[in-house]
Amino acid sequence: MNLLNLNTNYLILEIMHRFEELKIWQKAMDITENCYRATENFPREEKYGLTSQLRRSAISIPSNIAEGAGRNTNGEFKQFLGIVNGSSF
């Protein structure tokens, strides 16, 4: 049994169950909440247009962090963080 793999697997399990403790996830949730508040008063005709697009893009960031944290390897987690990075622009 490889000790390095054992330690890596333990780290992955720790992240899987505690992504809520990651500062980046917490900040992403704050941004998402602010986005929802900011779009509350957008015109009704934008409900399915701009409002929906802004809200979906905001929630995709913490969602991808959470999904990546639940994956089986650090490589998969990094892949989801790459998606998060792309979504942030």
Foldseek 3Di string as FASTA:
>chain_A
DDPVVVVQQVVLVVLLVPVVPDPQLVVLVVVLVVLLVVCPPPDPVCVVPPSVVSNVLSVLLSVLQNVLSNDRGPVSNVVSVVVNVVSVD
